[in-house]
Amino acid sequence: MLTLFRALAVLPLWLLHAIGWLLGWLAFLGSPTYRRRFAANARQAGYRLADVISAVPSAGRLVAEAPRLWFGAAPRVLWSGAELIDAALTRGRGIVFLTPHLGCFEAAAQGYAGRFGPITVLYRPPRKAWLRPLVEGARTRRNLFAAPTTLAGVKQMLKALQAGQAVGLLPDQVPPDGLGVWAPFFGRPAYTMTLSARLARQTGAAVLLAWGERLGWGRGYRIHLRPWPGDFEAEPQAAAAQVNSQMEALIRECPSQYLWGYARYKTPREAR
């Protein structure tokens, strides 16, 4: 697998995205379960399947571009709102980036590491043991560090923030081990992590909303930044609802690049 990924990493981004277009449609057409979840999630957000059908090949591009992002040359990254990062860094208390499963979140983290400095990103280790070394090694680059969704990973992120560095996480990811609360997401209860609010309150870090737009024809990515509006609520459910609301707003900026097939409303074993 590592050899295959390194071989694919030398391909131009436009070709990988073309391969991803095919992969996305094969997955959609080949899996009734995936199609039903895709359509149901979109409908929950108020979209018809026809409104977000372009998200089908977009999901395939997310998979196909991974070898290039993990092992290849850094892609072209443009910024929209970089002054928000400059202002946050001058405070010296670190930055918490919140990014939904929208566009290319890998490019957002790599782009920050390449331009601004160290960033630690939270990730969920693969369930298959043979995949773990590949994912862990690929996501650790210059100024880019990976923290697992464990107590050790949380401590790693706190340490980074205390050093004035940045951390990134996907708060629309279903948290493991009971580390979440129920909060509405597009009007339906979803098990939601509380880590983002905890990190911000404990460290006084700035909070920025971010997502990486995938540009057409392999032209790279544009990172969009938004300020966090106001303060976090003290009560965990209310803070989680705030986070979900902001994730919804980002998704509505570009629903054609959201992972509608993600099992956002699943119930973790510990939360049943």
Protein backbone atom coordinates (compact mmCIF):
# COMPACT_ATOMS: atom_id res chain seq x y z
CA MET A 1 0.00 0.00 0.00
CA LEU A 2 2.82 2.41 0.85
CA THR A 3 4.47 1.69 -2.52
CA LEU A 4 1.19 2.34 -4.33
CA PHE A 5 0.62 5.63 -2.50
CA ARG A 6 4.14 6.83 -3.29
CA ALA A 7 3.67 5.96 -6.94
CA LEU A 8 0.37 7.84 -7.13
CA ALA A 9 1.91 10.83 -5.35
CA VAL A 10 3.94 11.79 -8.43
CA LEU A 11 0.84 12.15 -10.62
CA PRO A 12 -0.43 15.67 -11.35
CA LEU A 13 -3.31 16.82 -9.20
CA TRP A 14 -5.68 17.16 -12.15
CA LEU A 15 -5.16 13.50 -13.05
CA LEU A 16 -5.72 12.35 -9.47
CA HIS A 17 -8.93 14.37 -9.38
CA ALA A 18 -10.04 12.75 -12.64
CA ILE A 19 -9.43 9.33 -11.09
CA GLY A 20 -11.31 10.51 -8.01
CA TRP A 21 -14.30 11.51 -10.15
CA LEU A 22 -14.55 7.90 -11.28
CA LEU A 23 -14.02 6.50 -7.77
CA GLY A 24 -16.73 8.73 -6.37
CA TRP A 25 -19.33 7.56 -8.86
CA LEU A 26 -18.32 3.90 -8.52
CA ALA A 27 -18.79 4.10 -4.75
CA PHE A 28 -22.13 5.89 -5.08
CA LEU A 29 -23.54 3.54 -7.69
CA GLY A 30 -22.12 0.41 -6.10
CA SER A 31 -23.39 0.90 -2.54
CA PRO A 32 -27.13 1.25 -1.81
CA THR A 33 -26.34 1.98 1.85
CA TYR A 34 -24.03 4.84 0.90
CA ARG A 35 -26.60 6.26 -1.54
CA ARG A 36 -29.36 6.19 1.06
CA ARG A 37 -27.22 7.88 3.71
CA PHE A 38 -25.97 10.47 1.22
CA ALA A 39 -29.53 11.38 0.16
CA ALA A 40 -30.90 11.29 3.72
CA ASN A 41 -28.18 13.60 5.08
CA ALA A 42 -28.67 16.05 2.23
CA ARG A 43 -32.44 15.98 2.72
CA GLN A 44 -31.99 16.63 6.45
CA ALA A 45 -30.11 19.82 5.53
CA GLY A 46 -32.87 20.90 3.16
CA TYR A 47 -31.27 19.86 -0.13
CA ARG A 48 -32.62 17.63 -2.86
CA LEU A 49 -30.28 14.99 -4.20
CA ALA A 50 -30.09 16.95 -7.47
CA ASP A 51 -28.90 20.01 -5.55
CA VAL A 52 -25.78 18.26 -4.21
CA ILE A 53 -25.15 15.53 -6.78
CA SER A 54 -21.79 17.15 -7.62
CA ALA A 55 -20.67 16.14 -4.12
CA VAL A 56 -20.55 12.53 -5.35
CA PRO A 57 -17.36 12.92 -7.46
CA SER A 58 -16.04 15.41 -4.90
CA ALA A 59 -15.91 12.64 -2.30
CA GLY A 60 -13.91 10.52 -4.72
CA ARG A 61 -11.46 13.36 -5.31
CA LEU A 62 -10.91 13.55 -1.55
CA VAL A 63 -9.71 9.95 -1.60
CA ALA A 64 -7.67 10.20 -4.81
CA GLU A 65 -5.76 13.33 -3.75
CA ALA A 66 -4.57 11.76 -0.48
CA PRO A 67 -1.37 10.18 -1.92
CA ARG A 68 -0.26 13.54 -3.31
CA LEU A 69 -1.02 15.37 -0.07
CA TRP A 70 0.62 12.73 2.09
CA PHE A 71 3.71 11.87 0.04
CA GLY A 72 4.01 14.28 -2.89
CA ALA A 73 5.02 17.86 -3.50
CA ALA A 74 2.99 20.47 -1.67
CA PRO A 75 0.06 21.69 -3.80
CA ARG A 76 -0.71 25.32 -4.54
CA VAL A 77 -2.60 26.92 -1.64
CA LEU A 78 -4.31 30.32 -1.74
CA TRP A 79 -5.70 32.16 1.29
CA SER A 80 -8.87 34.12 1.91
CA GLY A 81 -8.74 35.84 5.30
CA ALA A 82 -5.10 35.20 6.23
CA GLU A 83 -5.11 38.45 8.21
CA LEU A 84 -7.24 36.66 10.81
CA ILE A 85 -4.37 34.24 11.43
CA ASP A 86 -1.83 37.07 11.67
CA ALA A 87 -3.99 38.84 14.24
CA ALA A 88 -4.51 35.65 16.27
CA LEU A 89 -0.81 34.81 16.32
CA THR A 90 0.08 38.23 17.72
CA ARG A 91 -1.98 37.38 20.83
CA GLY A 92 0.38 34.48 21.56
CA ARG A 93 -2.29 32.16 22.96
CA GLY A 94 -2.54 29.77 20.04
CA ILE A 95 -5.31 29.09 17.54
CA VAL A 96 -8.04 26.45 17.45
CA PHE A 97 -9.11 25.78 13.85
CA LEU A 98 -12.54 24.20 13.39
CA THR A 99 -13.15 22.54 10.02
CA PRO A 100 -16.07 20.37 8.88
CA HIS A 101 -15.82 17.48 6.43
CA LEU A 102 -15.88 20.06 3.67
CA GLY A 103 -13.50 20.39 0.74
CA CYS A 104 -9.93 19.32 1.46
CA PHE A 105 -9.20 19.60 5.17
CA GLU A 106 -5.76 18.05 4.67
CA ALA A 107 -4.76 20.97 2.44
CA ALA A 108 -5.87 23.47 5.08
CA ALA A 109 -3.56 21.97 7.71
CA GLN A 110 -0.64 21.57 5.31
CA GLY A 111 -1.11 25.09 4.00
CA TYR A 112 -0.95 26.51 7.50
CA ALA A 113 2.14 24.45 8.38
CA GLY A 114 3.92 25.62 5.25
CA ARG A 115 3.17 29.32 5.68
CA PHE A 116 2.62 30.09 9.37
CA GLY A 117 4.29 27.45 11.54
CA PRO A 118 3.53 24.40 13.70
CA ILE A 119 0.04 22.96 13.84
CA THR A 120 -1.23 19.81 15.57
CA VAL A 121 -4.28 18.12 14.04
CA LEU A 122 -6.61 15.67 15.72
CA TYR A 123 -7.28 12.44 13.84
CA ARG A 124 -9.02 9.16 14.53
CA PRO A 125 -6.63 6.21 14.07
CA PRO A 126 -7.81 3.65 11.50
CA ARG A 127 -9.46 0.57 12.92
CA LYS A 128 -7.35 -1.69 10.72
CA ALA A 129 -3.95 -2.11 12.37
CA TRP A 130 -2.03 -2.36 9.07
CA LEU A 131 -3.26 1.11 8.06
CA ARG A 132 -2.16 2.91 11.22
CA PRO A 133 1.57 3.27 10.43
CA LEU A 134 0.72 4.54 6.94
CA VAL A 135 -1.73 7.19 8.16
CA GLU A 136 0.33 8.30 11.15
CA GLY A 137 3.52 8.65 9.13
CA ALA A 138 1.85 10.36 6.19
CA ARG A 139 0.14 13.01 8.32
CA THR A 140 3.34 14.02 10.12
CA ARG A 141 5.32 16.53 8.07
CA ARG A 142 7.41 19.62 8.69
CA ASN A 143 5.48 21.77 11.20
CA LEU A 144 2.54 19.35 10.98
CA PHE A 145 1.88 16.95 13.85
CA ALA A 146 -0.88 14.39 14.35
CA ALA A 147 -2.66 13.79 17.67
CA PRO A 148 -4.89 10.71 18.10
CA THR A 149 -8.39 10.93 19.58
CA THR A 150 -7.17 9.73 22.98
CA LEU A 151 -6.35 11.35 26.29
CA ALA A 152 -2.70 11.51 25.18
CA GLY A 153 -3.77 13.29 22.00
CA VAL A 154 -5.79 15.86 23.95
CA LYS A 155 -2.78 16.54 26.18
CA GLN A 156 -0.65 16.96 23.05
CA MET A 157 -3.06 19.59 21.72
CA LEU A 158 -3.18 21.45 25.04
CA LYS A 159 0.60 21.54 25.12
CA ALA A 160 0.72 22.97 21.59
CA LEU A 161 -1.77 25.72 22.47
CA GLN A 162 0.11 26.59 25.65
CA ALA A 163 3.18 27.08 23.46
CA GLY A 164 1.25 29.55 21.30
CA GLN A 165 0.88 27.12 18.40
CA ALA A 166 -2.19 26.09 16.39
CA VAL A 167 -4.37 22.99 16.55
CA GLY A 168 -7.02 21.76 14.15
CA LEU A 169 -9.97 19.42 14.49
CA LEU A 170 -13.10 18.34 12.65
CA PRO A 171 -15.91 18.96 15.15
CA ASP A 172 -18.51 17.30 12.93
CA GLN A 173 -16.69 14.01 13.44
CA VAL A 174 -18.52 11.63 15.78
CA PRO A 175 -16.34 11.47 18.92
CA PRO A 176 -15.29 8.12 20.42
CA ASP A 177 -15.36 6.81 23.97
CA GLY A 178 -18.31 8.88 25.16
CA LEU A 179 -16.44 12.19 24.72
CA GLY A 180 -19.45 14.09 23.44
CA VAL A 181 -22.98 15.36 23.98
CA TRP A 182 -26.16 15.40 21.92
CA ALA A 183 -26.72 18.63 19.98
CA PRO A 184 -28.73 19.53 16.86
CA PHE A 185 -27.02 19.33 13.48
CA PHE A 186 -29.23 20.48 10.63
CA GLY A 187 -32.18 20.02 12.99
CA ARG A 188 -31.46 16.43 14.04
CA PRO A 189 -29.70 15.34 17.26
CA ALA A 190 -26.10 14.36 16.55
CA TYR A 191 -23.47 13.13 18.97
CA THR A 192 -21.01 16.04 19.05
CA MET A 193 -17.54 16.44 20.53
CA THR A 194 -17.01 19.00 23.30
CA LEU A 195 -13.25 19.24 22.86
CA SER A 196 -13.14 22.43 20.79
CA ALA A 197 -14.90 24.54 23.43
CA ARG A 198 -12.83 22.99 26.21
CA LEU A 199 -9.57 23.74 24.45
CA ALA A 200 -10.54 27.35 23.81
CA ARG A 201 -11.75 27.99 27.37
CA GLN A 202 -8.79 26.33 29.07
CA THR A 203 -6.13 28.14 27.04
CA GLY A 204 -7.74 31.39 25.88
CA ALA A 205 -6.80 30.48 22.31
CA ALA A 206 -8.35 32.25 19.34
CA VAL A 207 -10.93 30.20 17.45
CA LEU A 208 -11.11 30.35 13.66
CA LEU A 209 -13.44 28.57 11.26
CA ALA A 210 -11.72 27.21 8.17
CA TRP A 211 -12.29 25.06 5.12
CA GLY A 212 -10.23 24.22 2.06
CA GLU A 213 -11.99 24.72 -1.28
CA ARG A 214 -10.85 22.30 -3.97
CA LEU A 215 -10.23 24.34 -7.12
CA GLY A 216 -11.07 22.95 -10.54
CA TRP A 217 -8.64 21.37 -13.01
CA GLY A 218 -6.05 20.58 -10.36
CA ARG A 219 -5.29 24.26 -9.69
CA GLY A 220 -4.83 23.64 -5.97
CA TYR A 221 -6.86 24.85 -3.01
CA ARG A 222 -8.20 28.04 -1.46
CA ILE A 223 -8.41 28.18 2.33
CA HIS A 224 -11.40 30.20 3.55
CA LEU A 225 -11.24 31.62 7.08
CA ARG A 226 -14.01 33.02 9.27
CA PRO A 227 -13.83 34.45 12.82
CA TRP A 228 -15.63 32.68 15.64
CA PRO A 229 -18.61 34.85 16.61
CA GLY A 230 -18.54 35.76 20.29
CA ASP A 231 -17.76 33.41 23.18
CA PHE A 232 -18.55 29.79 23.87
CA GLU A 233 -21.49 28.97 26.09
CA ALA A 234 -20.49 27.48 29.46
CA GLU A 235 -22.93 24.55 29.28
CA PRO A 236 -21.53 21.69 27.11
CA GLN A 237 -24.73 21.03 25.13
CA ALA A 238 -25.14 24.73 24.35
CA ALA A 239 -21.49 25.06 23.28
CA ALA A 240 -21.81 21.97 21.06
CA ALA A 241 -24.93 23.46 19.48
CA GLN A 242 -22.95 26.64 18.75
CA VAL A 243 -20.22 24.62 17.02
CA ASN A 244 -22.71 22.65 14.95
CA SER A 245 -24.44 25.85 13.89
CA GLN A 246 -21.15 27.30 12.64
CA MET A 247 -20.30 24.06 10.81
CA GLU A 248 -23.69 24.22 9.10
CA ALA A 249 -22.96 27.76 7.93
CA LEU A 250 -19.63 26.70 6.41
CA ILE A 251 -21.22 23.72 4.68
CA ARG A 252 -23.87 25.94 3.14
CA GLU A 253 -21.09 28.01 1.56
CA CYS A 254 -20.23 25.06 -0.68
CA PRO A 255 -22.56 22.04 -0.23
CA SER A 256 -21.14 20.48 -3.41
CA GLN A 257 -17.88 19.71 -1.55
CA TYR A 258 -19.34 18.35 1.69
CA LEU A 259 -19.14 14.63 2.54
CA TRP A 260 -22.87 13.97 2.63
CA GLY A 261 -22.15 10.25 2.81
CA TYR A 262 -20.45 10.58 6.20
CA ALA A 263 -22.33 8.75 8.98
CA ARG A 264 -22.83 11.92 11.03
CA TYR A 265 -25.84 10.68 12.96
CA LYS A 266 -24.51 7.33 14.12
CA THR A 267 -24.69 6.51 17.81
CA PRO A 268 -21.40 5.48 19.45
CA ARG A 269 -21.64 2.34 21.53
CA GLU A 270 -20.83 4.26 24.71
CA ALA A 271 -23.59 6.82 24.11
CA ARG A 272 -26.49 4.43 23.63
